[in-house]
Amino acid sequence: MVINITLIVTALVAVNFLLLKFSSNKTNQKRKSNKLPTIITHQATLDLEAREYGNTGS
């Protein structure tokens, strides 16, 4: 009984490794080393006009 379970588990593990080895889900890992990084700058503007807010009632 123990030998049967061991053989079944071993066979399932072997099939799993074979499926993992010959998997068709391959991805291309191309890296673009010549692409320059994009620099994002934020320019803050000052609002010189005074804002007046309405009364809130509190």
N, C-alpha and C. Protein backbone atom coordinates (compact mmCIF):
# COMPACT_ATOMS: atom_id res chain seq x y z
N MET A 1 0.83 -1.19 0.00
CA MET A 1 0.00 0.00 0.00
C MET A 1 0.88 1.25 0.00
N VAL A 2 1.89 1.25 0.85
CA VAL A 2 2.78 2.41 0.93
C VAL A 2 3.60 2.53 -0.36
N ILE A 3 3.98 1.40 -0.93
CA ILE A 3 4.76 1.40 -2.17
C ILE A 3 3.91 1.96 -3.32
N ASN A 4 2.63 1.59 -3.36
CA ASN A 4 1.74 2.10 -4.41
C ASN A 4 1.60 3.62 -4.32
N ILE A 5 1.41 4.13 -3.12
CA ILE A 5 1.27 5.58 -2.93
C ILE A 5 2.56 6.28 -3.31
N THR A 6 3.69 5.72 -2.94
CA THR A 6 4.99 6.31 -3.27
C THR A 6 5.21 6.34 -4.78
N LEU A 7 4.86 5.26 -5.46
CA LEU A 7 5.01 5.22 -6.92
C LEU A 7 4.09 6.22 -7.62
N ILE A 8 2.87 6.35 -7.13
CA ILE A 8 1.93 7.29 -7.74
C ILE A 8 2.40 8.72 -7.55
N VAL A 9 2.84 9.05 -6.34
CA VAL A 9 3.32 10.41 -6.07
C VAL A 9 4.58 10.70 -6.89
N THR A 10 5.48 9.75 -6.99
CA THR A 10 6.70 9.92 -7.77
C THR A 10 6.37 10.13 -9.25
N ALA A 11 5.43 9.37 -9.77
CA ALA A 11 5.01 9.53 -11.17
C ALA A 11 4.38 10.89 -11.41
N LEU A 12 3.56 11.36 -10.47
CA LEU A 12 2.93 12.67 -10.62
C LEU A 12 3.96 13.79 -10.56
N VAL A 13 4.95 13.67 -9.69
CA VAL A 13 6.01 14.68 -9.61
C VAL A 13 6.83 14.69 -10.90
N ALA A 14 7.12 13.51 -11.45
CA ALA A 14 7.89 13.42 -12.70
C ALA A 14 7.11 14.06 -13.85
N VAL A 15 5.82 13.79 -13.93
CA VAL A 15 4.99 14.39 -14.98
C VAL A 15 4.94 15.90 -14.80
N ASN A 16 4.87 16.37 -13.58
CA ASN A 16 4.84 17.81 -13.32
C ASN A 16 6.13 18.46 -13.79
N PHE A 17 7.27 17.84 -13.52
CA PHE A 17 8.55 18.41 -13.97
C PHE A 17 8.66 18.38 -15.49
N LEU A 18 8.16 17.34 -16.12
CA LEU A 18 8.18 17.29 -17.58
C LEU A 18 7.30 18.38 -18.19
N LEU A 19 6.14 18.60 -17.61
CA LEU A 19 5.27 19.68 -18.09
C LEU A 19 5.91 21.04 -17.88
N LEU A 20 6.59 21.21 -16.78
CA LEU A 20 7.27 22.47 -16.51
C LEU A 20 8.42 22.69 -17.49
N LYS A 21 9.13 21.64 -17.82
CA LYS A 21 10.28 21.74 -18.72
C LYS A 21 9.85 22.07 -20.14
N PHE A 22 8.81 21.43 -20.62
CA PHE A 22 8.37 21.59 -22.00
C PHE A 22 7.13 22.47 -22.12
N SER A 23 6.99 23.40 -21.22
CA SER A 23 5.85 24.31 -21.26
C SER A 23 5.92 25.20 -22.49
N SER A 24 4.78 25.48 -23.10
CA SER A 24 4.75 26.32 -24.30
C SER A 24 4.51 27.78 -23.95
N ASN A 25 4.43 28.12 -22.71
CA ASN A 25 4.19 29.50 -22.27
C ASN A 25 5.53 30.20 -22.11
N LYS A 26 6.18 30.46 -23.23
CA LYS A 26 7.49 31.10 -23.20
C LYS A 26 7.31 32.61 -23.40
N THR A 27 8.13 33.40 -22.74
CA THR A 27 8.11 34.84 -22.91
C THR A 27 9.47 35.30 -23.39
N ASN A 28 9.46 36.31 -24.25
CA ASN A 28 10.71 36.88 -24.73
C ASN A 28 11.19 37.92 -23.73
N GLN A 29 12.43 37.84 -23.35
CA GLN A 29 12.98 38.77 -22.37
C GLN A 29 14.00 39.67 -23.05
N LYS A 30 13.50 40.56 -23.91
CA LYS A 30 14.36 41.50 -24.59
C LYS A 30 14.48 42.77 -23.74
N ARG A 31 15.69 43.23 -23.59
CA ARG A 31 15.93 44.44 -22.82
C ARG A 31 16.48 45.50 -23.74
N LYS A 32 15.94 46.69 -23.64
CA LYS A 32 16.42 47.80 -24.43
C LYS A 32 17.37 48.62 -23.57
N SER A 33 18.65 48.45 -23.81
CA SER A 33 19.64 49.16 -23.02
C SER A 33 19.94 50.54 -23.58
N ASN A 34 19.51 50.82 -24.82
CA ASN A 34 19.81 52.10 -25.44
C ASN A 34 18.76 53.16 -25.13
N LYS A 35 17.66 52.79 -24.54
CA LYS A 35 16.58 53.73 -24.26
C LYS A 35 16.96 54.61 -23.08
N LEU A 36 16.87 55.91 -23.29
CA LEU A 36 17.20 56.86 -22.23
C LEU A 36 16.02 57.00 -21.28
N PRO A 37 16.29 57.24 -20.00
CA PRO A 37 15.19 57.42 -19.05
C PRO A 37 14.47 58.74 -19.28
N THR A 38 13.19 58.74 -18.99
CA THR A 38 12.38 59.94 -19.13
C THR A 38 12.39 60.71 -17.82
N ILE A 39 12.73 61.98 -17.91
CA ILE A 39 12.79 62.83 -16.72
C ILE A 39 11.56 63.73 -16.71
N ILE A 40 10.81 63.65 -15.64
CA ILE A 40 9.60 64.45 -15.51
C ILE A 40 9.87 65.54 -14.49
N THR A 41 9.68 66.78 -14.91
CA THR A 41 9.88 67.91 -14.00
C THR A 41 8.54 68.58 -13.74
N HIS A 42 8.38 69.07 -12.54
CA HIS A 42 7.17 69.74 -12.14
C HIS A 42 7.49 71.20 -11.87
N GLN A 43 6.82 72.09 -12.57
CA GLN A 43 7.03 73.51 -12.37
C GLN A 43 5.85 74.06 -11.59
N ALA A 44 6.15 74.58 -10.42
CA ALA A 44 5.11 75.15 -9.59
C ALA A 44 4.89 76.60 -9.98
N THR A 45 3.62 77.00 -10.07
CA THR A 45 3.30 78.39 -10.39
C THR A 45 2.61 79.00 -9.19
N LEU A 46 2.90 80.26 -8.95
CA LEU A 46 2.30 80.98 -7.84
C LEU A 46 1.10 81.76 -8.34
N ASP A 47 0.02 81.67 -7.61
CA ASP A 47 -1.18 82.43 -7.94
C ASP A 47 -1.08 83.75 -7.20
N LEU A 48 -0.79 84.81 -7.92
CA LEU A 48 -0.59 86.10 -7.28
C LEU A 48 -1.91 86.78 -6.94
N GLU A 49 -2.97 86.29 -7.45
CA GLU A 49 -4.27 86.89 -7.19
C GLU A 49 -4.82 86.36 -5.87
N ALA A 50 -5.29 87.25 -5.00
CA ALA A 50 -5.83 86.83 -3.71
C ALA A 50 -7.19 86.20 -3.91
N ARG A 51 -7.42 85.06 -3.26
CA ARG A 51 -8.70 84.40 -3.36
C ARG A 51 -9.54 84.73 -2.13
N GLU A 52 -10.79 85.00 -2.37
CA GLU A 52 -11.72 85.26 -1.27
C GLU A 52 -12.73 84.14 -1.24
N TYR A 53 -12.84 83.53 -0.10
CA TYR A 53 -13.77 82.42 0.07
C TYR A 53 -15.05 82.93 0.75
N GLY A 54 -16.11 82.29 0.45
CA GLY A 54 -17.40 82.67 1.05
C GLY A 54 -17.49 82.16 2.48
N ASN A 55 -18.44 82.76 3.22
CA ASN A 55 -18.67 82.36 4.60
C ASN A 55 -19.26 80.95 4.65
N THR A 56 -18.79 80.17 5.57
CA THR A 56 -19.29 78.81 5.70
C THR A 56 -20.40 78.70 6.74
N GLY A 57 -20.56 79.70 7.55
CA GLY A 57 -21.62 79.68 8.53
C GLY A 57 -21.23 79.05 9.85
N SER A 58 -19.96 78.71 10.01
CA SER A 58 -19.58 78.11 11.28
C SER A 58 -18.82 79.10 12.13
